[in-house]
Amino acid sequence: METVKRVSGLKVRVTKDPELKTSAKGVSFFKANAVHDKQDGEAVWLTVLGFKGISKSLAEHIKKGSLLKVSGKVTTKEYQKKDGGMGIDNSLIVDSALVSTAAGLVEIDEFGVTLPVNPEETRATAEAPF
């Protein structure tokens, strides 16, 4: 069974250094492992993916331990493990992201355009970015 859900503002932490790869058809893509901590304390593990324009910007700004606030599409698939049990695979295809870097917050749009985020504007909003 497969489910697809649009998400906006999903907070995740990257758990492994990401990879920038190129498909057999020459399309660049970004891949990283991340975890989302739900309010009930449950951890949801995700494979974070970015394609084409956004892939290079994600790879440039994200490393192990990075905090992200992303918008995109989560696909959940059930599969049978080698031991016969059932497993769940969660993939998040990123449309845009707010990334916490050592230099501050960076917003990355679907085309890979990066914009620094003014910390004063962030403090003025009702919800903190992270």
N, C-alpha and C. Protein backbone atom coordinates (compact mmCIF):
# COMPACT_ATOMS: atom_id res chain seq x y z
N MET A 1 0.84 -1.18 0.00
CA MET A 1 0.00 0.00 0.00
C MET A 1 0.89 1.25 0.00
N GLU A 2 0.50 2.25 -0.74
CA GLU A 2 1.27 3.50 -0.83
C GLU A 2 0.34 4.68 -0.54
N THR A 3 0.83 5.60 0.28
CA THR A 3 0.08 6.83 0.52
C THR A 3 0.98 8.02 0.19
N VAL A 4 0.35 9.09 -0.29
CA VAL A 4 1.08 10.31 -0.62
C VAL A 4 0.40 11.46 0.11
N LYS A 5 1.21 12.30 0.75
CA LYS A 5 0.67 13.41 1.54
C LYS A 5 1.53 14.65 1.32
N ARG A 6 0.91 15.79 1.04
CA ARG A 6 1.63 17.06 0.94
C ARG A 6 1.91 17.56 2.36
N VAL A 7 3.11 18.09 2.58
CA VAL A 7 3.47 18.64 3.88
C VAL A 7 4.03 20.04 3.70
N SER A 8 3.87 20.84 4.71
CA SER A 8 4.42 22.19 4.71
C SER A 8 4.94 22.48 6.10
N GLY A 9 6.20 22.89 6.19
CA GLY A 9 6.80 23.22 7.48
C GLY A 9 7.17 22.01 8.32
N LEU A 10 7.42 20.87 7.69
CA LEU A 10 7.82 19.67 8.41
C LEU A 10 9.26 19.83 8.89
N LYS A 11 9.48 19.66 10.19
CA LYS A 11 10.81 19.83 10.76
C LYS A 11 11.52 18.49 10.83
N VAL A 12 12.73 18.44 10.26
CA VAL A 12 13.53 17.21 10.27
C VAL A 12 14.98 17.53 10.59
N ARG A 13 15.70 16.52 11.09
CA ARG A 13 17.14 16.63 11.34
C ARG A 13 17.83 15.57 10.49
N VAL A 14 18.85 16.00 9.75
CA VAL A 14 19.60 15.09 8.89
C VAL A 14 20.51 14.24 9.76
N THR A 15 20.46 12.92 9.56
CA THR A 15 21.18 11.98 10.43
C THR A 15 22.43 11.39 9.79
N LYS A 16 22.66 11.68 8.53
CA LYS A 16 23.83 11.14 7.82
C LYS A 16 24.21 12.16 6.76
N ASP A 17 25.52 12.30 6.49
CA ASP A 17 25.93 13.25 5.45
C ASP A 17 25.21 12.92 4.14
N PRO A 18 24.65 13.94 3.50
CA PRO A 18 23.88 13.71 2.27
C PRO A 18 24.78 13.38 1.08
N GLU A 19 24.13 12.90 0.02
CA GLU A 19 24.82 12.57 -1.21
C GLU A 19 24.20 13.35 -2.36
N LEU A 20 25.03 13.79 -3.28
CA LEU A 20 24.57 14.39 -4.53
C LEU A 20 24.94 13.41 -5.62
N LYS A 21 23.94 12.89 -6.31
CA LYS A 21 24.17 11.86 -7.32
C LYS A 21 23.61 12.31 -8.66
N THR A 22 23.92 11.54 -9.69
CA THR A 22 23.37 11.77 -11.02
C THR A 22 22.76 10.46 -11.50
N SER A 23 21.52 10.54 -11.97
CA SER A 23 20.83 9.34 -12.45
C SER A 23 21.42 8.89 -13.79
N ALA A 24 21.01 7.72 -14.23
CA ALA A 24 21.47 7.20 -15.52
C ALA A 24 21.07 8.11 -16.68
N LYS A 25 20.00 8.89 -16.47
CA LYS A 25 19.53 9.82 -17.51
C LYS A 25 20.16 11.20 -17.38
N GLY A 26 21.11 11.36 -16.46
CA GLY A 26 21.82 12.61 -16.32
C GLY A 26 21.15 13.64 -15.43
N VAL A 27 20.13 13.24 -14.66
CA VAL A 27 19.42 14.16 -13.76
C VAL A 27 20.09 14.12 -12.39
N SER A 28 20.48 15.30 -11.88
CA SER A 28 21.10 15.33 -10.55
C SER A 28 20.02 15.21 -9.48
N PHE A 29 20.38 14.50 -8.40
CA PHE A 29 19.46 14.41 -7.28
C PHE A 29 20.22 14.36 -5.97
N PHE A 30 19.54 14.83 -4.92
CA PHE A 30 20.06 14.92 -3.57
C PHE A 30 19.38 13.82 -2.76
N LYS A 31 20.16 13.17 -1.89
CA LYS A 31 19.60 12.12 -1.04
C LYS A 31 20.22 12.22 0.35
N ALA A 32 19.37 12.19 1.38
CA ALA A 32 19.84 12.22 2.76
C ALA A 32 18.87 11.45 3.64
N ASN A 33 19.37 10.94 4.74
CA ASN A 33 18.52 10.31 5.75
C ASN A 33 18.22 11.35 6.81
N ALA A 34 16.97 11.33 7.31
CA ALA A 34 16.57 12.32 8.32
C ALA A 34 15.53 11.71 9.25
N VAL A 35 15.30 12.39 10.36
CA VAL A 35 14.29 11.95 11.31
C VAL A 35 13.39 13.15 11.65
N HIS A 36 12.11 12.84 11.78
CA HIS A 36 11.11 13.83 12.21
C HIS A 36 10.57 13.34 13.54
N ASP A 37 10.66 14.15 14.57
CA ASP A 37 10.13 13.79 15.89
C ASP A 37 8.72 14.32 16.02
N LYS A 38 7.75 13.40 16.10
CA LYS A 38 6.35 13.80 16.25
C LYS A 38 6.11 14.29 17.67
N GLN A 39 4.99 14.98 17.87
CA GLN A 39 4.68 15.53 19.19
C GLN A 39 4.48 14.45 20.24
N ASP A 40 4.07 13.26 19.83
CA ASP A 40 3.86 12.17 20.79
C ASP A 40 5.16 11.45 21.15
N GLY A 41 6.30 11.96 20.62
CA GLY A 41 7.59 11.38 20.93
C GLY A 41 8.05 10.32 19.95
N GLU A 42 7.18 9.92 19.05
CA GLU A 42 7.54 8.90 18.05
C GLU A 42 8.45 9.52 17.00
N ALA A 43 9.46 8.77 16.59
CA ALA A 43 10.38 9.22 15.54
C ALA A 43 9.96 8.61 14.21
N VAL A 44 9.92 9.44 13.18
CA VAL A 44 9.62 8.97 11.83
C VAL A 44 10.88 9.16 11.00
N TRP A 45 11.40 8.07 10.46
CA TRP A 45 12.62 8.11 9.64
C TRP A 45 12.24 8.33 8.19
N LEU A 46 12.98 9.20 7.52
CA LEU A 46 12.68 9.59 6.14
C LEU A 46 13.92 9.56 5.27
N THR A 47 13.71 9.26 3.99
CA THR A 47 14.73 9.50 2.99
C THR A 47 14.35 10.81 2.32
N VAL A 48 15.20 11.81 2.46
CA VAL A 48 14.93 13.14 1.90
C VAL A 48 15.54 13.20 0.49
N LEU A 49 14.72 13.60 -0.49
CA LEU A 49 15.15 13.64 -1.88
C LEU A 49 14.87 15.02 -2.48
N GLY A 50 15.79 15.48 -3.30
CA GLY A 50 15.61 16.71 -4.07
C GLY A 50 16.10 16.47 -5.47
N PHE A 51 15.37 16.95 -6.46
CA PHE A 51 15.70 16.69 -7.85
C PHE A 51 15.96 17.98 -8.62
N LYS A 52 16.77 17.86 -9.65
CA LYS A 52 17.09 18.93 -10.59
C LYS A 52 17.66 20.14 -9.87
N GLY A 53 17.07 21.33 -10.06
CA GLY A 53 17.64 22.59 -9.57
C GLY A 53 17.88 22.64 -8.07
N ILE A 54 16.95 22.12 -7.29
CA ILE A 54 17.08 22.22 -5.84
C ILE A 54 18.16 21.28 -5.29
N SER A 55 18.52 20.23 -6.03
CA SER A 55 19.45 19.22 -5.51
C SER A 55 20.81 19.79 -5.15
N LYS A 56 21.38 20.61 -6.02
CA LYS A 56 22.72 21.15 -5.77
C LYS A 56 22.73 22.13 -4.59
N SER A 57 21.68 22.94 -4.47
CA SER A 57 21.60 23.88 -3.35
C SER A 57 21.43 23.14 -2.03
N LEU A 58 20.63 22.08 -2.02
CA LEU A 58 20.48 21.29 -0.80
C LEU A 58 21.82 20.68 -0.40
N ALA A 59 22.53 20.10 -1.37
CA ALA A 59 23.82 19.48 -1.08
C ALA A 59 24.84 20.49 -0.57
N GLU A 60 24.77 21.71 -1.06
CA GLU A 60 25.72 22.75 -0.66
C GLU A 60 25.49 23.22 0.78
N HIS A 61 24.25 23.22 1.24
CA HIS A 61 23.92 23.81 2.54
C HIS A 61 23.62 22.80 3.65
N ILE A 62 23.49 21.53 3.30
CA ILE A 62 23.06 20.55 4.30
C ILE A 62 24.17 19.55 4.57
N LYS A 63 24.30 19.21 5.86
CA LYS A 63 25.25 18.19 6.29
C LYS A 63 24.62 17.42 7.45
N LYS A 64 25.30 16.41 7.92
CA LYS A 64 24.80 15.64 9.06
C LYS A 64 24.55 16.59 10.23
N GLY A 65 23.38 16.48 10.84
CA GLY A 65 23.01 17.32 11.97
C GLY A 65 22.22 18.55 11.59
N SER A 66 22.14 18.87 10.31
CA SER A 66 21.40 20.07 9.88
C SER A 66 19.92 19.96 10.23
N LEU A 67 19.35 21.09 10.61
CA LEU A 67 17.91 21.20 10.85
C LEU A 67 17.27 21.80 9.61
N LEU A 68 16.16 21.20 9.19
CA LEU A 68 15.43 21.68 8.02
C LEU A 68 13.96 21.84 8.37
N LYS A 69 13.34 22.79 7.73
CA LYS A 69 11.89 22.94 7.77
C LYS A 69 11.48 22.90 6.30
N VAL A 70 10.81 21.83 5.89
CA VAL A 70 10.60 21.59 4.47
C VAL A 70 9.12 21.55 4.08
N SER A 71 8.90 21.84 2.81
CA SER A 71 7.60 21.65 2.18
C SER A 71 7.83 20.70 1.02
N GLY A 72 6.89 19.81 0.82
CA GLY A 72 7.04 18.84 -0.25
C GLY A 72 6.00 17.75 -0.17
N LYS A 73 6.39 16.56 -0.59
CA LYS A 73 5.48 15.43 -0.68
C LYS A 73 6.09 14.23 0.03
N VAL A 74 5.36 13.63 0.98
CA VAL A 74 5.80 12.43 1.68
C VAL A 74 5.07 11.23 1.08
N THR A 75 5.85 10.25 0.66
CA THR A 75 5.30 9.00 0.16
C THR A 75 5.65 7.90 1.15
N THR A 76 4.64 7.16 1.60
CA THR A 76 4.83 6.06 2.53
C THR A 76 4.45 4.76 1.84
N LYS A 77 5.38 3.81 1.86
CA LYS A 77 5.14 2.50 1.23
C LYS A 77 5.42 1.41 2.24
N GLU A 78 4.59 0.40 2.23
CA GLU A 78 4.84 -0.79 3.04
C GLU A 78 5.55 -1.81 2.16
N TYR A 79 6.47 -2.56 2.75
CA TYR A 79 7.18 -3.58 2.00
C TYR A 79 7.46 -4.77 2.92
N GLN A 80 7.76 -5.90 2.31
CA GLN A 80 8.08 -7.09 3.07
C GLN A 80 9.59 -7.19 3.22
N LYS A 81 10.04 -7.31 4.47
CA LYS A 81 11.47 -7.44 4.76
C LYS A 81 11.95 -8.85 4.43
N LYS A 82 13.26 -9.01 4.40
CA LYS A 82 13.86 -10.32 4.12
C LYS A 82 13.46 -11.37 5.14
N ASP A 83 13.23 -10.91 6.40
CA ASP A 83 12.86 -11.86 7.46
C ASP A 83 11.37 -12.20 7.44
N GLY A 84 10.62 -11.63 6.48
CA GLY A 84 9.19 -11.90 6.36
C GLY A 84 8.30 -10.87 7.03
N GLY A 85 8.87 -10.04 7.89
CA GLY A 85 8.08 -9.01 8.56
C GLY A 85 7.79 -7.85 7.61
N MET A 86 6.94 -6.95 8.06
CA MET A 86 6.58 -5.78 7.24
C MET A 86 7.41 -4.58 7.67
N GLY A 87 7.81 -3.77 6.71
CA GLY A 87 8.55 -2.55 6.96
C GLY A 87 7.85 -1.37 6.32
N ILE A 88 8.24 -0.18 6.70
CA ILE A 88 7.67 1.04 6.14
C ILE A 88 8.80 1.91 5.61
N ASP A 89 8.63 2.41 4.38
CA ASP A 89 9.60 3.29 3.76
C ASP A 89 8.94 4.65 3.56
N ASN A 90 9.53 5.69 4.16
CA ASN A 90 9.01 7.06 4.03
C ASN A 90 10.00 7.88 3.22
N SER A 91 9.53 8.47 2.11
CA SER A 91 10.35 9.34 1.28
C SER A 91 9.74 10.73 1.27
N LEU A 92 10.59 11.74 1.39
CA LEU A 92 10.16 13.13 1.35
C LEU A 92 10.82 13.80 0.15
N ILE A 93 10.01 14.20 -0.83
CA ILE A 93 10.52 14.92 -1.99
C ILE A 93 10.36 16.40 -1.70
N VAL A 94 11.48 17.11 -1.62
CA VAL A 94 11.51 18.51 -1.18
C VAL A 94 11.14 19.45 -2.34
N ASP A 95 10.18 20.34 -2.06
CA ASP A 95 9.86 21.45 -2.98
C ASP A 95 10.62 22.70 -2.58
N SER A 96 10.68 22.95 -1.26
CA SER A 96 11.42 24.10 -0.73
C SER A 96 11.84 23.78 0.70
N ALA A 97 12.86 24.49 1.19
CA ALA A 97 13.38 24.21 2.52
C ALA A 97 13.93 25.47 3.17
N LEU A 98 13.79 25.51 4.48
CA LEU A 98 14.46 26.50 5.31
C LEU A 98 15.52 25.72 6.06
N VAL A 99 16.79 26.12 5.91
CA VAL A 99 17.91 25.36 6.45
C VAL A 99 18.65 26.20 7.49
N SER A 100 18.93 25.61 8.63
CA SER A 100 19.73 26.26 9.66
C SER A 100 21.19 25.91 9.39
N THR A 101 22.00 26.93 9.07
CA THR A 101 23.42 26.73 8.79
C THR A 101 24.25 27.50 9.81
N ALA A 102 25.55 27.30 9.81
CA ALA A 102 26.44 28.03 10.71
C ALA A 102 26.37 29.54 10.45
N ALA A 103 26.09 29.92 9.21
CA ALA A 103 26.02 31.33 8.85
C ALA A 103 24.64 31.93 9.09
N GLY A 104 23.68 31.11 9.48
CA GLY A 104 22.31 31.59 9.70
C GLY A 104 21.32 30.77 8.90
N LEU A 105 20.11 31.30 8.79
CA LEU A 105 19.06 30.60 8.07
C LEU A 105 19.13 30.90 6.58
N VAL A 106 18.90 29.85 5.78
CA VAL A 106 18.89 29.98 4.32
C VAL A 106 17.61 29.35 3.80
N GLU A 107 16.93 30.06 2.92
CA GLU A 107 15.74 29.52 2.28
C GLU A 107 16.12 29.06 0.87
N ILE A 108 15.70 27.84 0.51
CA ILE A 108 16.00 27.27 -0.80
C ILE A 108 14.68 26.99 -1.49
N ASP A 109 14.48 27.56 -2.68
CA ASP A 109 13.22 27.32 -3.39
C ASP A 109 13.34 26.15 -4.35
N GLU A 110 12.26 25.83 -5.02
CA GLU A 110 12.21 24.65 -5.89
C GLU A 110 13.19 24.69 -7.05
N PHE A 111 13.67 25.88 -7.41
CA PHE A 111 14.62 26.03 -8.51
C PHE A 111 16.06 26.02 -8.03
N GLY A 112 16.26 25.95 -6.71
CA GLY A 112 17.60 25.93 -6.16
C GLY A 112 18.12 27.31 -5.81
N VAL A 113 17.27 28.33 -5.92
CA VAL A 113 17.68 29.69 -5.55
C VAL A 113 17.75 29.77 -4.03
N THR A 114 18.87 30.28 -3.52
CA THR A 114 19.05 30.40 -2.08
C THR A 114 18.97 31.87 -1.67
N LEU A 115 18.26 32.09 -0.58
CA LEU A 115 18.10 33.43 -0.04
C LEU A 115 18.39 33.41 1.45
N PRO A 116 19.28 34.28 1.93
CA PRO A 116 19.49 34.35 3.37
C PRO A 116 18.23 34.91 4.03
N VAL A 117 17.92 34.41 5.22
CA VAL A 117 16.74 34.86 5.94
C VAL A 117 17.18 35.83 7.02
N ASN A 118 16.57 37.00 7.06
CA ASN A 118 16.88 38.01 8.05
C ASN A 118 16.42 37.53 9.43
N PRO A 119 17.33 37.40 10.42
CA PRO A 119 16.95 36.91 11.74
C PRO A 119 15.94 37.81 12.43
N GLU A 120 15.98 39.12 12.15
CA GLU A 120 15.02 40.03 12.77
C GLU A 120 13.60 39.73 12.29
N GLU A 121 13.45 39.41 11.01
CA GLU A 121 12.13 39.05 10.49
C GLU A 121 11.66 37.74 11.10
N THR A 122 12.57 36.81 11.31
CA THR A 122 12.23 35.52 11.89
C THR A 122 11.71 35.70 13.31
N ARG A 123 12.36 36.55 14.10
CA ARG A 123 11.92 36.78 15.48
C ARG A 123 10.55 37.45 15.53
N ALA A 124 10.21 38.19 14.51
CA ALA A 124 8.95 38.92 14.51
C ALA A 124 7.76 38.02 14.16
N THR A 125 8.01 36.84 13.61
CA THR A 125 6.90 35.97 13.25
C THR A 125 6.38 35.25 14.50
N ALA A 126 5.15 34.78 14.41
CA ALA A 126 4.52 34.11 15.55
C ALA A 126 5.18 32.78 15.85
N GLU A 127 5.68 32.10 14.83
CA GLU A 127 6.28 30.79 15.03
C GLU A 127 7.78 30.86 14.71
N ALA A 128 8.59 30.41 15.64
CA ALA A 128 10.04 30.35 15.38
C ALA A 128 10.30 29.31 14.31
N PRO A 129 11.33 29.49 13.50
CA PRO A 129 11.57 28.53 12.42
C PRO A 129 11.93 27.13 12.91
N PHE A 130 12.57 27.02 14.09
CA PHE A 130 12.94 25.70 14.56
C PHE A 130 12.62 25.57 16.00
